[in-house]
Structure formats: C-alpha cells, structure tokens
Amino acid sequence: QAEILWNKEKGNFTDNLDSLVDFIQNDTNVIKLVNGWDSTRNKSTNPFKSLTTGEFTHDSLFFSPKSHSRYILQVDTNINYDSVVDRRGRLKKVDTVITIGKRYYIECPDGFGTIGDVEKDALLNAASWE
C-alpha cells in the first residue's frame, strides 16, 4: 500500500525504503487518508490493514518480524533508444530515454513472500500469497 500511495503522489515507485517510510509518516495526504472516514460506506479510508500482532506501525516496513532483516526492495530501470535518421539514411542522433520505477519488487528476507515484479506488468501489486 505504501508503494501504491507513493506512485499516486510521485508518478513512479521507489526503491528507497527510508524515503518510503518517511513519506507515509509525514505526507499530509497520506495522514488524512490513514485518519479518514468514508461516511457513505461507513468505513475507514486507512489503506493499511491491522496486523495479527496489532496495529500497523511505520517501522514494520523496514524489517521482517522473524529475523529482523531488512526487506529487499527493487524497482525497474528501462532504457529506450530512438534513432533519428535523415532522408539520406545518415544517423543524425540517438535519443535515450531512461524510465525508472514503473514496476517494483518487495521480498521478505525470511521467505514469507513477495509483492510485484520488475519485469512483468501483470504482477504489479500482486502478492505471492494471494
């Protein structure tokens, strides 16, 4: 959910866990969402689910509860080349477009599952346990 909120706000995903946690702790839009209430559905707007061990805490995004090892977080990097050729077939220039963070991958270091994939759009936001 944190990556989804980051993407909505920034237009890409991040591979920086520290920035992600700081974002969900301090961004005013995220705070409003976490504390909000949808009166039409009579339901909280908080996107973070309560954990079996208690309430969601921001620090739980850093470390796996079993080994206290940091979660593995990656984003994709794509490089696209576009050649510009004149009418005589001579190469004029090559434009390079680098796109970072259109897909992400999170892995539990203790083997409890993954979310997303850096290569397949079909697995965007998909958890391995669902």
C-alpha atoms as a PDB file:
ATOM      1  CA  GLN A   1       0.000   0.000   0.000  1.00  0.00           C
ATOM      2  CA  ALA A   2       2.870   2.362   0.734  1.00  0.00           C
ATOM      3  CA  GLU A   3       4.292   1.888  -2.782  1.00  0.00           C
ATOM      4  CA  ILE A   4       0.838   2.414  -4.318  1.00  0.00           C
ATOM      5  CA  LEU A   5       0.399   5.682  -2.396  1.00  0.00           C
ATOM      6  CA  TRP A   6       3.923   6.790  -3.411  1.00  0.00           C
ATOM      7  CA  ASN A   7       3.121   6.048  -7.054  1.00  0.00           C
ATOM      8  CA  LYS A   8      -0.122   8.034  -6.927  1.00  0.00           C
ATOM      9  CA  GLU A   9       1.715  11.029  -5.471  1.00  0.00           C
ATOM     10  CA  LYS A  10       5.031  10.895  -7.373  1.00  0.00           C
ATOM     11  CA  GLY A  11       4.192   9.041 -10.609  1.00  0.00           C
ATOM     12  CA  ASN A  12       6.678   6.203 -10.082  1.00  0.00           C
ATOM     13  CA  PHE A  13       7.715   3.636  -7.486  1.00  0.00           C
ATOM     14  CA  THR A  14      10.720   3.952  -5.185  1.00  0.00           C
ATOM     15  CA  ASP A  15      13.465   1.551  -4.154  1.00  0.00           C
ATOM     16  CA  ASN A  16      14.426   3.661  -1.138  1.00  0.00           C
ATOM     17  CA  LEU A  17      12.825   2.174   1.967  1.00  0.00           C
ATOM     18  CA  ASP A  18      13.833   5.125   4.148  1.00  0.00           C
ATOM     19  CA  SER A  19      12.136   7.614   1.803  1.00  0.00           C
ATOM     20  CA  LEU A  20       9.045   5.413   1.568  1.00  0.00           C
ATOM     21  CA  VAL A  21       8.615   5.187   5.334  1.00  0.00           C
ATOM     22  CA  ASP A  22       9.273   8.923   5.724  1.00  0.00           C
ATOM     23  CA  PHE A  23       6.635   9.586   3.062  1.00  0.00           C
ATOM     24  CA  ILE A  24       3.881   7.586   4.763  1.00  0.00           C
ATOM     25  CA  GLN A  25       4.761   9.063   8.159  1.00  0.00           C
ATOM     26  CA  ASN A  26       4.868  12.716   7.104  1.00  0.00           C
ATOM     27  CA  ASP A  27       2.905  13.291   3.880  1.00  0.00           C
ATOM     28  CA  THR A  28      -0.270  15.239   4.703  1.00  0.00           C
ATOM     29  CA  ASN A  29      -2.361  13.404   2.096  1.00  0.00           C
ATOM     30  CA  VAL A  30      -1.334  10.016   3.491  1.00  0.00           C
ATOM     31  CA  ILE A  31      -2.042  11.153   7.062  1.00  0.00           C
ATOM     32  CA  LYS A  32      -5.522  12.350   6.018  1.00  0.00           C
ATOM     33  CA  LEU A  33      -6.163   9.013   4.295  1.00  0.00           C
ATOM     34  CA  VAL A  34      -4.989   6.974   7.298  1.00  0.00           C
ATOM     35  CA  ASN A  35      -7.121   9.008   9.723  1.00  0.00           C
ATOM     36  CA  GLY A  36     -10.087   9.480   7.380  1.00  0.00           C
ATOM     37  CA  TRP A  37     -13.578   8.039   7.414  1.00  0.00           C
ATOM     38  CA  ASP A  38     -15.849   7.353   4.433  1.00  0.00           C
ATOM     39  CA  SER A  39     -19.336   8.178   5.703  1.00  0.00           C
ATOM     40  CA  THR A  40     -21.088   6.760   2.623  1.00  0.00           C
ATOM     41  CA  ARG A  41     -19.632   3.289   3.181  1.00  0.00           C
ATOM     42  CA  ASN A  42     -19.304   3.758   6.945  1.00  0.00           C
ATOM     43  CA  LYS A  43     -15.714   2.567   6.704  1.00  0.00           C
ATOM     44  CA  SER A  44     -12.225   3.851   7.445  1.00  0.00           C
ATOM     45  CA  THR A  45     -10.180   5.119   4.480  1.00  0.00           C
ATOM     46  CA  ASN A  46      -6.981   3.740   6.030  1.00  0.00           C
ATOM     47  CA  PRO A  47      -5.288   1.597   3.332  1.00  0.00           C
ATOM     48  CA  PHE A  48      -3.088  -0.190   5.877  1.00  0.00           C
ATOM     49  CA  LYS A  49      -4.560  -3.328   7.421  1.00  0.00           C
ATOM     50  CA  SER A  50      -4.191  -4.092  11.098  1.00  0.00           C
ATOM     51  CA  LEU A  51      -1.640  -6.823  11.629  1.00  0.00           C
ATOM     52  CA  THR A  52      -2.298 -10.008  13.582  1.00  0.00           C
ATOM     53  CA  THR A  53       0.265  -8.751  16.086  1.00  0.00           C
ATOM     54  CA  GLY A  54      -1.533  -5.407  16.473  1.00  0.00           C
ATOM     55  CA  GLU A  55      -1.823  -2.012  14.775  1.00  0.00           C
ATOM     56  CA  PHE A  56       0.230  -1.137  11.722  1.00  0.00           C
ATOM     57  CA  THR A  57       3.408   0.747  12.587  1.00  0.00           C
ATOM     58  CA  HIS A  58       5.611   2.555  10.098  1.00  0.00           C
ATOM     59  CA  ASP A  59       8.736   0.827  11.352  1.00  0.00           C
ATOM     60  CA  SER A  60       7.264  -2.543  10.367  1.00  0.00           C
ATOM     61  CA  LEU A  61       8.083  -1.640   6.757  1.00  0.00           C
ATOM     62  CA  PHE A  62      11.813  -1.791   7.424  1.00  0.00           C
ATOM     63  CA  PHE A  63      12.334  -5.227   8.920  1.00  0.00           C
ATOM     64  CA  SER A  64      10.956  -8.745   8.780  1.00  0.00           C
ATOM     65  CA  PRO A  65       9.478  -9.671  12.161  1.00  0.00           C
ATOM     66  CA  LYS A  66      11.177 -13.096  12.282  1.00  0.00           C
ATOM     67  CA  SER A  67      14.852 -12.327  11.630  1.00  0.00           C
ATOM     68  CA  HIS A  68      14.676  -8.520  11.875  1.00  0.00           C
ATOM     69  CA  SER A  69      16.440  -8.364   8.480  1.00  0.00           C
ATOM     70  CA  ARG A  70      15.640  -5.520   6.086  1.00  0.00           C
ATOM     71  CA  TYR A  71      13.108  -6.189   3.341  1.00  0.00           C
ATOM     72  CA  ILE A  72      14.502  -6.363  -0.201  1.00  0.00           C
ATOM     73  CA  LEU A  73      13.103  -3.572  -2.397  1.00  0.00           C
ATOM     74  CA  GLN A  74      13.850  -3.063  -6.104  1.00  0.00           C
ATOM     75  CA  VAL A  75      12.445  -1.008  -8.975  1.00  0.00           C
ATOM     76  CA  ASP A  76      12.843  -1.480 -12.704  1.00  0.00           C
ATOM     77  CA  THR A  77      15.023   0.613 -14.993  1.00  0.00           C
ATOM     78  CA  ASN A  78      14.259   0.724 -18.701  1.00  0.00           C
ATOM     79  CA  ILE A  79      16.407   2.358 -21.366  1.00  0.00           C
ATOM     80  CA  ASN A  80      14.856   3.102 -24.743  1.00  0.00           C
ATOM     81  CA  TYR A  81      16.905   4.252 -27.706  1.00  0.00           C
ATOM     82  CA  ASP A  82      15.397   6.167 -30.598  1.00  0.00           C
ATOM     83  CA  SER A  83      17.499   6.810 -33.682  1.00  0.00           C
ATOM     84  CA  VAL A  84      16.953   9.923 -35.789  1.00  0.00           C
ATOM     85  CA  VAL A  85      17.924   9.363 -39.423  1.00  0.00           C
ATOM     86  CA  ASP A  86      17.852  11.971 -42.188  1.00  0.00           C
ATOM     87  CA  ARG A  87      16.245  11.309 -45.574  1.00  0.00           C
ATOM     88  CA  ARG A  88      19.560  10.064 -46.972  1.00  0.00           C
ATOM     89  CA  GLY A  89      19.770   7.392 -44.284  1.00  0.00           C
ATOM     90  CA  ARG A  90      22.511   9.072 -42.230  1.00  0.00           C
ATOM     91  CA  LEU A  91      22.278   8.789 -38.479  1.00  0.00           C
ATOM     92  CA  LYS A  92      21.752  12.269 -37.038  1.00  0.00           C
ATOM     93  CA  LYS A  93      21.368  11.478 -33.350  1.00  0.00           C
ATOM     94  CA  VAL A  94      20.270   8.853 -30.875  1.00  0.00           C
ATOM     95  CA  ASP A  95      17.783   9.871 -28.191  1.00  0.00           C
ATOM     96  CA  THR A  96      17.983   7.926 -24.964  1.00  0.00           C
ATOM     97  CA  VAL A  97      15.029   7.783 -22.592  1.00  0.00           C
ATOM     98  CA  ILE A  98      15.572   6.249 -19.168  1.00  0.00           C
ATOM     99  CA  THR A  99      12.476   5.270 -17.187  1.00  0.00           C
ATOM    100  CA  ILE A 100      12.885   4.305 -13.540  1.00  0.00           C
ATOM    101  CA  GLY A 101      10.269   2.956 -11.203  1.00  0.00           C
ATOM    102  CA  LYS A 102       7.315   1.799 -13.308  1.00  0.00           C
ATOM    103  CA  ARG A 103       7.369  -1.594 -11.551  1.00  0.00           C
ATOM    104  CA  TYR A 104       8.615  -2.679  -8.130  1.00  0.00           C
ATOM    105  CA  TYR A 105       9.507  -5.840  -6.232  1.00  0.00           C
ATOM    106  CA  ILE A 106       9.470  -6.406  -2.475  1.00  0.00           C
ATOM    107  CA  GLU A 107      10.760  -9.623  -0.915  1.00  0.00           C
ATOM    108  CA  CYS A 108      10.666 -10.850   2.647  1.00  0.00           C
ATOM    109  CA  PRO A 109      14.206 -11.913   3.614  1.00  0.00           C
ATOM    110  CA  ASP A 110      12.739 -14.833   5.601  1.00  0.00           C
ATOM    111  CA  GLY A 111      10.977 -16.341   2.589  1.00  0.00           C
ATOM    112  CA  PHE A 112       7.412 -15.395   3.551  1.00  0.00           C
ATOM    113  CA  GLY A 113       6.585 -13.991   0.110  1.00  0.00           C
ATOM    114  CA  THR A 114       6.994 -11.267  -2.459  1.00  0.00           C
ATOM    115  CA  ILE A 115       4.965  -8.425  -3.947  1.00  0.00           C
ATOM    116  CA  GLY A 116       5.290  -7.268  -7.550  1.00  0.00           C
ATOM    117  CA  ASP A 117       7.870  -7.972 -10.222  1.00  0.00           C
ATOM    118  CA  VAL A 118      10.363  -5.712 -12.001  1.00  0.00           C
ATOM    119  CA  GLU A 119       9.860  -7.418 -15.373  1.00  0.00           C
ATOM    120  CA  LYS A 120       6.156  -8.311 -15.682  1.00  0.00           C
ATOM    121  CA  ASP A 121       3.357  -5.740 -15.667  1.00  0.00           C
ATOM    122  CA  ALA A 122       0.846  -8.498 -14.915  1.00  0.00           C
ATOM    123  CA  LEU A 123       2.382  -8.938 -11.442  1.00  0.00           C
ATOM    124  CA  LEU A 124       2.238  -5.259 -10.481  1.00  0.00           C
ATOM    125  CA  ASN A 125       0.960  -5.074  -6.879  1.00  0.00           C
ATOM    126  CA  ALA A 126       0.398  -8.865  -6.852  1.00  0.00           C
ATOM    127  CA  ALA A 127       1.336 -10.638  -3.641  1.00  0.00           C
ATOM    128  CA  SER A 128       2.710 -14.181  -3.884  1.00  0.00           C
ATOM    129  CA  TRP A 129       0.352 -15.385  -1.131  1.00  0.00           C
ATOM    130  CA  GLU A 130      -2.834 -14.207  -2.864  1.00  0.00           C
END
